[in-house]
Amino acid sequence: MRVLRGLLGALLWIVAGLLGLVSLILCVTVILLPLGIPLFRLSKALFGTAVRLMLPQAVAHPVKHVQKKAGKAKSGRPEIVEKATRKGRKLARKQRERVPSF
């Protein structure tokens, strides 16, 4: 699957490059400038899509990747939160004892 995504990304990269070249040529001719600007934006979007296809899933979509990992770790989460809460309260009590009252 990863090889297929890489090949599709490379093909899309080539298409985006050619489309960008055509859009730059259209932008040089003043009469066709209204056609060149939207084509340039489209080629820019295609470049971004091509890069996301070539990157690993964790780099391309970090939020989705973190949500998947968090969903898997939910079962052990309450104990960790309770332990951190107890530790934080204990440290706060120690800090209050050190601060002199006026």
PDB file of N, CA and C in Angstrom:
ATOM      1  N   MET A   1       0.824  -1.192   0.000  1.00  0.00           N
ATOM      2  CA  MET A   1       0.000   0.000   0.000  1.00  0.00           C
ATOM      3  C   MET A   1       0.870   1.259   0.000  1.00  0.00           C
ATOM      4  N   ARG A   2       1.976   1.191   0.758  1.00  0.00           N
ATOM      5  CA  ARG A   2       2.851   2.350   0.855  1.00  0.00           C
ATOM      6  C   ARG A   2       3.518   2.660  -0.482  1.00  0.00           C
ATOM      7  N   VAL A   3       3.880   1.600  -1.221  1.00  0.00           N
ATOM      8  CA  VAL A   3       4.507   1.784  -2.534  1.00  0.00           C
ATOM      9  C   VAL A   3       3.505   2.409  -3.504  1.00  0.00           C
ATOM     10  N   LEU A   4       2.265   1.950  -3.430  1.00  0.00           N
ATOM     11  CA  LEU A   4       1.223   2.494  -4.298  1.00  0.00           C
ATOM     12  C   LEU A   4       0.980   3.971  -4.011  1.00  0.00           C
ATOM     13  N   ARG A   5       0.959   4.318  -2.719  1.00  0.00           N
ATOM     14  CA  ARG A   5       0.789   5.733  -2.353  1.00  0.00           C
ATOM     15  C   ARG A   5       1.964   6.567  -2.840  1.00  0.00           C
ATOM     16  N   GLY A   6       3.169   6.014  -2.756  1.00  0.00           N
ATOM     17  CA  GLY A   6       4.352   6.716  -3.239  1.00  0.00           C
ATOM     18  C   GLY A   6       4.326   6.940  -4.742  1.00  0.00           C
ATOM     19  N   LEU A   7       3.911   5.918  -5.485  1.00  0.00           N
ATOM     20  CA  LEU A   7       3.816   6.060  -6.936  1.00  0.00           C
ATOM     21  C   LEU A   7       2.743   7.066  -7.331  1.00  0.00           C
ATOM     22  N   LEU A   8       1.615   7.000  -6.644  1.00  0.00           N
ATOM     23  CA  LEU A   8       0.545   7.960  -6.924  1.00  0.00           C
ATOM     24  C   LEU A   8       0.992   9.380  -6.585  1.00  0.00           C
ATOM     25  N   GLY A   9       1.731   9.528  -5.484  1.00  0.00           N
ATOM     26  CA  GLY A   9       2.259  10.843  -5.119  1.00  0.00           C
ATOM     27  C   GLY A   9       3.251  11.370  -6.139  1.00  0.00           C
ATOM     28  N   ALA A  10       4.109  10.484  -6.652  1.00  0.00           N
ATOM     29  CA  ALA A  10       5.084  10.897  -7.666  1.00  0.00           C
ATOM     30  C   ALA A  10       4.393  11.308  -8.963  1.00  0.00           C
ATOM     31  N   LEU A  11       3.382  10.543  -9.364  1.00  0.00           N
ATOM     32  CA  LEU A  11       2.626  10.884 -10.567  1.00  0.00           C
ATOM     33  C   LEU A  11       1.900  12.218 -10.400  1.00  0.00           C
ATOM     34  N   LEU A  12       1.312  12.415  -9.237  1.00  0.00           N
ATOM     35  CA  LEU A  12       0.617  13.680  -8.964  1.00  0.00           C
ATOM     36  C   LEU A  12       1.599  14.847  -8.917  1.00  0.00           C
ATOM     37  N   TRP A  13       2.811  14.595  -8.423  1.00  0.00           N
ATOM     38  CA  TRP A  13       3.860  15.614  -8.381  1.00  0.00           C
ATOM     39  C   TRP A  13       4.206  16.068  -9.803  1.00  0.00           C
ATOM     40  N   ILE A  14       4.331  15.109 -10.721  1.00  0.00           N
ATOM     41  CA  ILE A  14       4.658  15.436 -12.117  1.00  0.00           C
ATOM     42  C   ILE A  14       3.527  16.239 -12.760  1.00  0.00           C
ATOM     43  N   VAL A  15       2.287  15.804 -12.530  1.00  0.00           N
ATOM     44  CA  VAL A  15       1.128  16.526 -13.079  1.00  0.00           C
ATOM     45  C   VAL A  15       1.074  17.944 -12.527  1.00  0.00           C
ATOM     46  N   ALA A  16       1.325  18.086 -11.225  1.00  0.00           N
ATOM     47  CA  ALA A  16       1.298  19.420 -10.619  1.00  0.00           C
ATOM     48  C   ALA A  16       2.411  20.305 -11.191  1.00  0.00           C
ATOM     49  N   GLY A  17       3.564  19.722 -11.446  1.00  0.00           N
ATOM     50  CA  GLY A  17       4.660  20.488 -12.036  1.00  0.00           C
ATOM     51  C   GLY A  17       4.332  20.979 -13.436  1.00  0.00           C
ATOM     52  N   LEU A  18       3.764  20.094 -14.232  1.00  0.00           N
ATOM     53  CA  LEU A  18       3.372  20.502 -15.588  1.00  0.00           C
ATOM     54  C   LEU A  18       2.268  21.554 -15.560  1.00  0.00           C
ATOM     55  N   LEU A  19       1.307  21.373 -14.673  1.00  0.00           N
ATOM     56  CA  LEU A  19       0.228  22.353 -14.550  1.00  0.00           C
ATOM     57  C   LEU A  19       0.763  23.707 -14.074  1.00  0.00           C
ATOM     58  N   GLY A  20       1.737  23.670 -13.171  1.00  0.00           N
ATOM     59  CA  GLY A  20       2.357  24.915 -12.717  1.00  0.00           C
ATOM     60  C   GLY A  20       3.108  25.617 -13.828  1.00  0.00           C
ATOM     61  N   LEU A  21       3.787  24.841 -14.655  1.00  0.00           N
ATOM     62  CA  LEU A  21       4.506  25.418 -15.789  1.00  0.00           C
ATOM     63  C   LEU A  21       3.545  26.062 -16.779  1.00  0.00           C
ATOM     64  N   VAL A  22       2.448  25.379 -17.089  1.00  0.00           N
ATOM     65  CA  VAL A  22       1.441  25.943 -17.991  1.00  0.00           C
ATOM     66  C   VAL A  22       0.835  27.203 -17.396  1.00  0.00           C
ATOM     67  N   SER A  23       0.575  27.187 -16.093  1.00  0.00           N
ATOM     68  CA  SER A  23      -0.031  28.367 -15.467  1.00  0.00           C
ATOM     69  C   SER A  23       0.929  29.560 -15.483  1.00  0.00           C
ATOM     70  N   LEU A  24       2.216  29.293 -15.310  1.00  0.00           N
ATOM     71  CA  LEU A  24       3.183  30.402 -15.381  1.00  0.00           C
ATOM     72  C   LEU A  24       3.251  30.986 -16.789  1.00  0.00           C
ATOM     73  N   ILE A  25       3.178  30.138 -17.790  1.00  0.00           N
ATOM     74  CA  ILE A  25       3.165  30.636 -19.174  1.00  0.00           C
ATOM     75  C   ILE A  25       1.911  31.471 -19.422  1.00  0.00           C
ATOM     76  N   LEU A  26       0.767  31.009 -18.886  1.00  0.00           N
ATOM     77  CA  LEU A  26      -0.468  31.777 -19.042  1.00  0.00           C
ATOM     78  C   LEU A  26      -0.397  33.111 -18.300  1.00  0.00           C
ATOM     79  N   CYS A  27       0.295  33.125 -17.163  1.00  0.00           N
ATOM     80  CA  CYS A  27       0.406  34.372 -16.394  1.00  0.00           C
ATOM     81  C   CYS A  27       1.295  35.392 -17.105  1.00  0.00           C
ATOM     82  N   VAL A  28       2.237  34.929 -17.912  1.00  0.00           N
ATOM     83  CA  VAL A  28       3.109  35.851 -18.635  1.00  0.00           C
ATOM     84  C   VAL A  28       2.322  36.615 -19.685  1.00  0.00           C
ATOM     85  N   THR A  29       1.418  35.922 -20.339  1.00  0.00           N
ATOM     86  CA  THR A  29       0.570  36.626 -21.303  1.00  0.00           C
ATOM     87  C   THR A  29      -0.541  37.327 -20.526  1.00  0.00           C
ATOM     88  N   VAL A  30      -0.591  38.620 -20.648  1.00  0.00           N
ATOM     89  CA  VAL A  30      -1.489  39.438 -19.833  1.00  0.00           C
ATOM     90  C   VAL A  30      -2.954  39.115 -20.104  1.00  0.00           C
ATOM     91  N   ILE A  31      -3.283  38.760 -21.314  1.00  0.00           N
ATOM     92  CA  ILE A  31      -4.677  38.480 -21.672  1.00  0.00           C
ATOM     93  C   ILE A  31      -5.175  37.218 -20.959  1.00  0.00           C
ATOM     94  N   LEU A  32      -4.296  36.215 -20.812  1.00  0.00           N
ATOM     95  CA  LEU A  32      -4.699  34.945 -20.195  1.00  0.00           C
ATOM     96  C   LEU A  32      -4.390  34.882 -18.697  1.00  0.00           C
ATOM     97  N   LEU A  33      -4.077  36.011 -18.087  1.00  0.00           N
ATOM     98  CA  LEU A  33      -3.780  36.068 -16.656  1.00  0.00           C
ATOM     99  C   LEU A  33      -4.922  35.548 -15.789  1.00  0.00           C
ATOM    100  N   PRO A  34      -6.197  35.839 -16.098  1.00  0.00           N
ATOM    101  CA  PRO A  34      -7.285  35.286 -15.273  1.00  0.00           C
ATOM    102  C   PRO A  34      -7.366  33.758 -15.298  1.00  0.00           C
ATOM    103  N   LEU A  35      -6.828  33.134 -16.328  1.00  0.00           N
ATOM    104  CA  LEU A  35      -6.786  31.670 -16.352  1.00  0.00           C
ATOM    105  C   LEU A  35      -5.547  31.125 -15.628  1.00  0.00           C
ATOM    106  N   GLY A  36      -4.468  31.878 -15.672  1.00  0.00           N
ATOM    107  CA  GLY A  36      -3.216  31.413 -15.087  1.00  0.00           C
ATOM    108  C   GLY A  36      -3.217  31.381 -13.574  1.00  0.00           C
ATOM    109  N   ILE A  37      -3.848  32.365 -12.945  1.00  0.00           N
ATOM    110  CA  ILE A  37      -3.841  32.439 -11.480  1.00  0.00           C
ATOM    111  C   ILE A  37      -4.594  31.267 -10.841  1.00  0.00           C
ATOM    112  N   PRO A  38      -5.813  30.942 -11.270  1.00  0.00           N
ATOM    113  CA  PRO A  38      -6.481  29.767 -10.664  1.00  0.00           C
ATOM    114  C   PRO A  38      -5.753  28.447 -10.941  1.00  0.00           C
ATOM    115  N   LEU A  39      -5.145  28.325 -12.129  1.00  0.00           N
ATOM    116  CA  LEU A  39      -4.377  27.113 -12.421  1.00  0.00           C
ATOM    117  C   LEU A  39      -3.144  27.009 -11.532  1.00  0.00           C
ATOM    118  N   PHE A  40      -2.538  28.144 -11.228  1.00  0.00           N
ATOM    119  CA  PHE A  40      -1.377  28.138 -10.334  1.00  0.00           C
ATOM    120  C   PHE A  40      -1.790  27.701  -8.930  1.00  0.00           C
ATOM    121  N   ARG A  41      -2.929  28.189  -8.453  1.00  0.00           N
ATOM    122  CA  ARG A  41      -3.436  27.772  -7.136  1.00  0.00           C
ATOM    123  C   ARG A  41      -3.748  26.280  -7.121  1.00  0.00           C
ATOM    124  N   LEU A  42      -4.308  25.775  -8.210  1.00  0.00           N
ATOM    125  CA  LEU A  42      -4.609  24.351  -8.310  1.00  0.00           C
ATOM    126  C   LEU A  42      -3.331  23.519  -8.290  1.00  0.00           C
ATOM    127  N   SER A  43      -2.311  23.978  -8.993  1.00  0.00           N
ATOM    128  CA  SER A  43      -1.052  23.231  -8.992  1.00  0.00           C
ATOM    129  C   SER A  43      -0.417  23.242  -7.602  1.00  0.00           C
ATOM    130  N   LYS A  44      -0.545  24.341  -6.890  1.00  0.00           N
ATOM    131  CA  LYS A  44      -0.034  24.420  -5.520  1.00  0.00           C
ATOM    132  C   LYS A  44      -0.748  23.414  -4.618  1.00  0.00           C
ATOM    133  N   ALA A  45      -2.057  23.308  -4.749  1.00  0.00           N
ATOM    134  CA  ALA A  45      -2.822  22.346  -3.962  1.00  0.00           C
ATOM    135  C   ALA A  45      -2.447  20.911  -4.330  1.00  0.00           C
ATOM    136  N   LEU A  46      -2.206  20.663  -5.614  1.00  0.00           N
ATOM    137  CA  LEU A  46      -1.801  19.330  -6.048  1.00  0.00           C
ATOM    138  C   LEU A  46      -0.419  18.957  -5.510  1.00  0.00           C
ATOM    139  N   PHE A  47       0.481  19.922  -5.435  1.00  0.00           N
ATOM    140  CA  PHE A  47       1.790  19.665  -4.834  1.00  0.00           C
ATOM    141  C   PHE A  47       1.633  19.254  -3.374  1.00  0.00           C
ATOM    142  N   GLY A  48       0.782  19.960  -2.637  1.00  0.00           N
ATOM    143  CA  GLY A  48       0.557  19.615  -1.240  1.00  0.00           C
ATOM    144  C   GLY A  48      -0.023  18.223  -1.075  1.00  0.00           C
ATOM    145  N   THR A  49      -0.970  17.867  -1.929  1.00  0.00           N
ATOM    146  CA  THR A  49      -1.564  16.532  -1.877  1.00  0.00           C
ATOM    147  C   THR A  49      -0.529  15.466  -2.219  1.00  0.00           C
ATOM    148  N   ALA A  50       0.310  15.738  -3.188  1.00  0.00           N
ATOM    149  CA  ALA A  50       1.348  14.784  -3.575  1.00  0.00           C
ATOM    150  C   ALA A  50       2.329  14.543  -2.437  1.00  0.00           C
ATOM    151  N   VAL A  51       2.712  15.594  -1.749  1.00  0.00           N
ATOM    152  CA  VAL A  51       3.638  15.450  -0.625  1.00  0.00           C
ATOM    153  C   VAL A  51       2.990  14.642   0.496  1.00  0.00           C
ATOM    154  N   ARG A  52       1.713  14.917   0.790  1.00  0.00           N
ATOM    155  CA  ARG A  52       1.017  14.159   1.837  1.00  0.00           C
ATOM    156  C   ARG A  52       0.886  12.690   1.476  1.00  0.00           C
ATOM    157  N   LEU A  53       0.754  12.390   0.204  1.00  0.00           N
ATOM    158  CA  LEU A  53       0.686  10.989  -0.212  1.00  0.00           C
ATOM    159  C   LEU A  53       2.018  10.276  -0.035  1.00  0.00           C
ATOM    160  N   MET A  54       3.117  10.992  -0.228  1.00  0.00           N
ATOM    161  CA  MET A  54       4.431  10.369  -0.126  1.00  0.00           C
ATOM    162  C   MET A  54       4.914  10.225   1.311  1.00  0.00           C
ATOM    163  N   LEU A  55       4.407  11.038   2.219  1.00  0.00           N
ATOM    164  CA  LEU A  55       4.846  10.977   3.611  1.00  0.00           C
ATOM    165  C   LEU A  55       4.140   9.848   4.358  1.00  0.00           C
ATOM    166  N   PRO A  56       4.737   9.364   5.449  1.00  0.00           N
ATOM    167  CA  PRO A  56       4.039   8.382   6.284  1.00  0.00           C
ATOM    168  C   PRO A  56       2.787   8.987   6.912  1.00  0.00           C
ATOM    169  N   GLN A  57       1.855   8.131   7.310  1.00  0.00           N
ATOM    170  CA  GLN A  57       0.566   8.578   7.843  1.00  0.00           C
ATOM    171  C   GLN A  57       0.739   9.457   9.086  1.00  0.00           C
ATOM    172  N   ALA A  58       1.688   9.120   9.955  1.00  0.00           N
ATOM    173  CA  ALA A  58       1.881   9.881  11.195  1.00  0.00           C
ATOM    174  C   ALA A  58       2.380  11.297  10.922  1.00  0.00           C
ATOM    175  N   VAL A  59       3.105  11.487   9.853  1.00  0.00           N
ATOM    176  CA  VAL A  59       3.621  12.820   9.523  1.00  0.00           C
ATOM    177  C   VAL A  59       2.594  13.609   8.715  1.00  0.00           C
ATOM    178  N   ALA A  60       1.882  12.923   7.829  1.00  0.00           N
ATOM    179  CA  ALA A  60       0.921  13.600   6.962  1.00  0.00           C
ATOM    180  C   ALA A  60      -0.306  14.074   7.738  1.00  0.00           C
ATOM    181  N   HIS A  61      -0.781  13.259   8.680  1.00  0.00           N
ATOM    182  CA  HIS A  61      -1.966  13.597   9.473  1.00  0.00           C
ATOM    183  C   HIS A  61      -1.667  13.364  10.950  1.00  0.00           C
ATOM    184  N   PRO A  62      -0.913  14.264  11.610  1.00  0.00           N
ATOM    185  CA  PRO A  62      -0.519  14.009  12.998  1.00  0.00           C
ATOM    186  C   PRO A  62      -1.700  13.971  13.970  1.00  0.00           C
ATOM    187  N   VAL A  63      -2.730  14.769  13.733  1.00  0.00           N
ATOM    188  CA  VAL A  63      -3.857  14.795  14.658  1.00  0.00           C
ATOM    189  C   VAL A  63      -4.613  13.472  14.618  1.00  0.00           C
ATOM    190  N   LYS A  64      -4.852  12.953  13.431  1.00  0.00           N
ATOM    191  CA  LYS A  64      -5.532  11.663  13.311  1.00  0.00           C
ATOM    192  C   LYS A  64      -4.711  10.555  13.948  1.00  0.00           C
ATOM    193  N   HIS A  65      -3.397  10.622  13.777  1.00  0.00           N
ATOM    194  CA  HIS A  65      -2.526   9.594  14.335  1.00  0.00           C
ATOM    195  C   HIS A  65      -2.564   9.623  15.862  1.00  0.00           C
ATOM    196  N   VAL A  66      -2.528  10.808  16.447  1.00  0.00           N
ATOM    197  CA  VAL A  66      -2.576  10.940  17.902  1.00  0.00           C
ATOM    198  C   VAL A  66      -3.924  10.465  18.430  1.00  0.00           C
ATOM    199  N   GLN A  67      -5.000  10.769  17.737  1.00  0.00           N
ATOM    200  CA  GLN A  67      -6.322  10.325  18.177  1.00  0.00           C
ATOM    201  C   GLN A  67      -6.404   8.800  18.177  1.00  0.00           C
ATOM    202  N   LYS A  68      -5.809   8.151  17.194  1.00  0.00           N
ATOM    203  CA  LYS A  68      -5.805   6.687  17.168  1.00  0.00           C
ATOM    204  C   LYS A  68      -5.036   6.130  18.356  1.00  0.00           C
ATOM    205  N   LYS A  69      -3.875   6.690  18.617  1.00  0.00           N
ATOM    206  CA  LYS A  69      -3.050   6.223  19.727  1.00  0.00           C
ATOM    207  C   LYS A  69      -3.736   6.482  21.069  1.00  0.00           C
ATOM    208  N   ALA A  70      -4.404   7.622  21.193  1.00  0.00           N
ATOM    209  CA  ALA A  70      -5.099   7.940  22.441  1.00  0.00           C
ATOM    210  C   ALA A  70      -6.282   7.006  22.653  1.00  0.00           C
ATOM    211  N   GLY A  71      -6.955   6.649  21.588  1.00  0.00           N
ATOM    212  CA  GLY A  71      -8.079   5.715  21.694  1.00  0.00           C
ATOM    213  C   GLY A  71      -7.632   4.353  22.183  1.00  0.00           C
ATOM    214  N   LYS A  72      -6.430   3.920  21.786  1.00  0.00           N
ATOM    215  CA  LYS A  72      -5.899   2.634  22.222  1.00  0.00           C
ATOM    216  C   LYS A  72      -5.440   2.686  23.680  1.00  0.00           C
ATOM    217  N   ALA A  73      -5.005   3.850  24.143  1.00  0.00           N
ATOM    218  CA  ALA A  73      -4.469   3.969  25.494  1.00  0.00           C
ATOM    219  C   ALA A  73      -5.515   4.399  26.514  1.00  0.00           C
ATOM    220  N   LYS A  74      -6.770   4.493  26.140  1.00  0.00           N
ATOM    221  CA  LYS A  74      -7.803   4.953  27.062  1.00  0.00           C
ATOM    222  C   LYS A  74      -7.967   4.027  28.256  1.00  0.00           C
ATOM    223  N   SER A  75      -7.780   2.750  28.080  1.00  0.00           N
ATOM    224  CA  SER A  75      -8.054   1.805  29.163  1.00  0.00           C
ATOM    225  C   SER A  75      -7.158   2.037  30.383  1.00  0.00           C
ATOM    226  N   GLY A  76      -5.901   2.389  30.211  1.00  0.00           N
ATOM    227  CA  GLY A  76      -4.999   2.608  31.336  1.00  0.00           C
ATOM    228  C   GLY A  76      -4.939   4.048  31.794  1.00  0.00           C
ATOM    229  N   ARG A  77      -5.715   4.901  31.209  1.00  0.00           N
ATOM    230  CA  ARG A  77      -5.630   6.330  31.469  1.00  0.00           C
ATOM    231  C   ARG A  77      -6.125   6.763  32.850  1.00  0.00           C
ATOM    232  N   PRO A  78      -7.247   6.280  33.381  1.00  0.00           N
ATOM    233  CA  PRO A  78      -7.725   6.789  34.676  1.00  0.00           C
ATOM    234  C   PRO A  78      -6.727   6.585  35.808  1.00  0.00           C
ATOM    235  N   GLU A  79      -6.027   5.460  35.824  1.00  0.00           N
ATOM    236  CA  GLU A  79      -5.060   5.223  36.893  1.00  0.00           C
ATOM    237  C   GLU A  79      -3.904   6.220  36.816  1.00  0.00           C
ATOM    238  N   ILE A  80      -3.481   6.511  35.604  1.00  0.00           N
ATOM    239  CA  ILE A  80      -2.375   7.451  35.423  1.00  0.00           C
ATOM    240  C   ILE A  80      -2.788   8.849  35.886  1.00  0.00           C
ATOM    241  N   VAL A  81      -4.013   9.248  35.557  1.00  0.00           N
ATOM    242  CA  VAL A  81      -4.500  10.573  35.946  1.00  0.00           C
ATOM    243  C   VAL A  81      -4.629  10.663  37.460  1.00  0.00           C
ATOM    244  N   GLU A  82      -5.158   9.619  38.076  1.00  0.00           N
ATOM    245  CA  GLU A  82      -5.296   9.631  39.543  1.00  0.00           C
ATOM    246  C   GLU A  82      -3.940   9.709  40.221  1.00  0.00           C
ATOM    247  N   LYS A  83      -2.981   8.967  39.704  1.00  0.00           N
ATOM    248  CA  LYS A  83      -1.641   8.977  40.286  1.00  0.00           C
ATOM    249  C   LYS A  83      -1.005  10.365  40.157  1.00  0.00           C
ATOM    250  N   ALA A  84      -1.156  10.984  38.976  1.00  0.00           N
ATOM    251  CA  ALA A  84      -0.586  12.320  38.764  1.00  0.00           C
ATOM    252  C   ALA A  84      -1.286  13.349  39.646  1.00  0.00           C
ATOM    253  N   THR A  85      -2.604  13.188  39.859  1.00  0.00           N
ATOM    254  CA  THR A  85      -3.342  14.119  40.713  1.00  0.00           C
ATOM    255  C   THR A  85      -2.856  14.013  42.149  1.00  0.00           C
ATOM    256  N   ARG A  86      -2.695  12.790  42.646  1.00  0.00           N
ATOM    257  CA  ARG A  86      -2.201  12.617  44.016  1.00  0.00           C
ATOM    258  C   ARG A  86      -0.816  13.213  44.181  1.00  0.00           C
ATOM    259  N   LYS A  87       0.039  12.984  43.196  1.00  0.00           N
ATOM    260  CA  LYS A  87       1.401  13.508  43.255  1.00  0.00           C
ATOM    261  C   LYS A  87       1.393  15.036  43.258  1.00  0.00           C
ATOM    262  N   GLY A  88       0.520  15.632  42.421  1.00  0.00           N
ATOM    263  CA  GLY A  88       0.428  17.090  42.359  1.00  0.00           C
ATOM    264  C   GLY A  88      -0.074  17.684  43.651  1.00  0.00           C
ATOM    265  N   ARG A  89      -1.065  17.059  44.273  1.00  0.00           N
ATOM    266  CA  ARG A  89      -1.574  17.560  45.560  1.00  0.00           C
ATOM    267  C   ARG A  89      -0.502  17.488  46.633  1.00  0.00           C
ATOM    268  N   LYS A  90       0.256  16.407  46.634  1.00  0.00           N
ATOM    269  CA  LYS A  90       1.313  16.240  47.616  1.00  0.00           C
ATOM    270  C   LYS A  90       2.376  17.324  47.459  1.00  0.00           C
ATOM    271  N   LEU A  91       2.765  17.596  46.223  1.00  0.00           N
ATOM    272  CA  LEU A  91       3.752  18.652  45.970  1.00  0.00           C
ATOM    273  C   LEU A  91       3.213  20.025  46.342  1.00  0.00           C
ATOM    274  N   ALA A  92       1.925  20.271  46.086  1.00  0.00           N
ATOM    275  CA  ALA A  92       1.324  21.555  46.440  1.00  0.00           C
ATOM    276  C   ALA A  92       1.316  21.744  47.950  1.00  0.00           C
ATOM    277  N   ARG A  93       1.008  20.679  48.708  1.00  0.00           N
ATOM    278  CA  ARG A  93       1.029  20.777  50.170  1.00  0.00           C
ATOM    279  C   ARG A  93       2.421  21.122  50.664  1.00  0.00           C
ATOM    280  N   LYS A  94       3.438  20.492  50.092  1.00  0.00           N
ATOM    281  CA  LYS A  94       4.815  20.772  50.499  1.00  0.00           C
ATOM    282  C   LYS A  94       5.192  22.217  50.212  1.00  0.00           C
ATOM    283  N   GLN A  95       4.756  22.734  49.071  1.00  0.00           N
ATOM    284  CA  GLN A  95       5.059  24.119  48.707  1.00  0.00           C
ATOM    285  C   GLN A  95       4.379  25.097  49.661  1.00  0.00           C
ATOM    286  N   ARG A  96       3.139  24.795  50.069  1.00  0.00           N
ATOM    287  CA  ARG A  96       2.428  25.681  51.005  1.00  0.00           C
ATOM    288  C   ARG A  96       3.107  25.705  52.362  1.00  0.00           C
ATOM    289  N   GLU A  97       3.668  24.585  52.772  1.00  0.00           N
ATOM    290  CA  GLU A  97       4.357  24.537  54.061  1.00  0.00           C
ATOM    291  C   GLU A  97       5.640  25.369  54.036  1.00  0.00           C
ATOM    292  N   ARG A  98       6.275  25.489  52.892  1.00  0.00           N
ATOM    293  CA  ARG A  98       7.523  26.240  52.791  1.00  0.00           C
ATOM    294  C   ARG A  98       7.294  27.748  52.734  1.00  0.00           C
ATOM    295  N   VAL A  99       6.147  28.180  52.244  1.00  0.00           N
ATOM    296  CA  VAL A  99       5.885  29.607  52.076  1.00  0.00           C
ATOM    297  C   VAL A  99       5.501  30.201  53.429  1.00  0.00           C
ATOM    298  N   PRO A 100       6.253  31.260  53.885  1.00  0.00           N
ATOM    299  CA  PRO A 100       5.905  31.870  55.168  1.00  0.00           C
ATOM    300  C   PRO A 100       4.630  32.730  55.045  1.00  0.00           C
ATOM    301  N   SER A 101       3.790  32.686  56.065  1.00  0.00           N
ATOM    302  CA  SER A 101       2.577  33.521  56.049  1.00  0.00           C
ATOM    303  C   SER A 101       2.884  34.840  56.750  1.00  0.00           C
ATOM    304  N   PHE A 102       2.280  35.903  56.270  1.00  0.00           N
ATOM    305  CA  PHE A 102       2.502  37.239  56.829  1.00  0.00           C
ATOM    306  C   PHE A 102       1.365  37.633  57.697  1.00  0.00           C
TER     307      PHE A 102
END
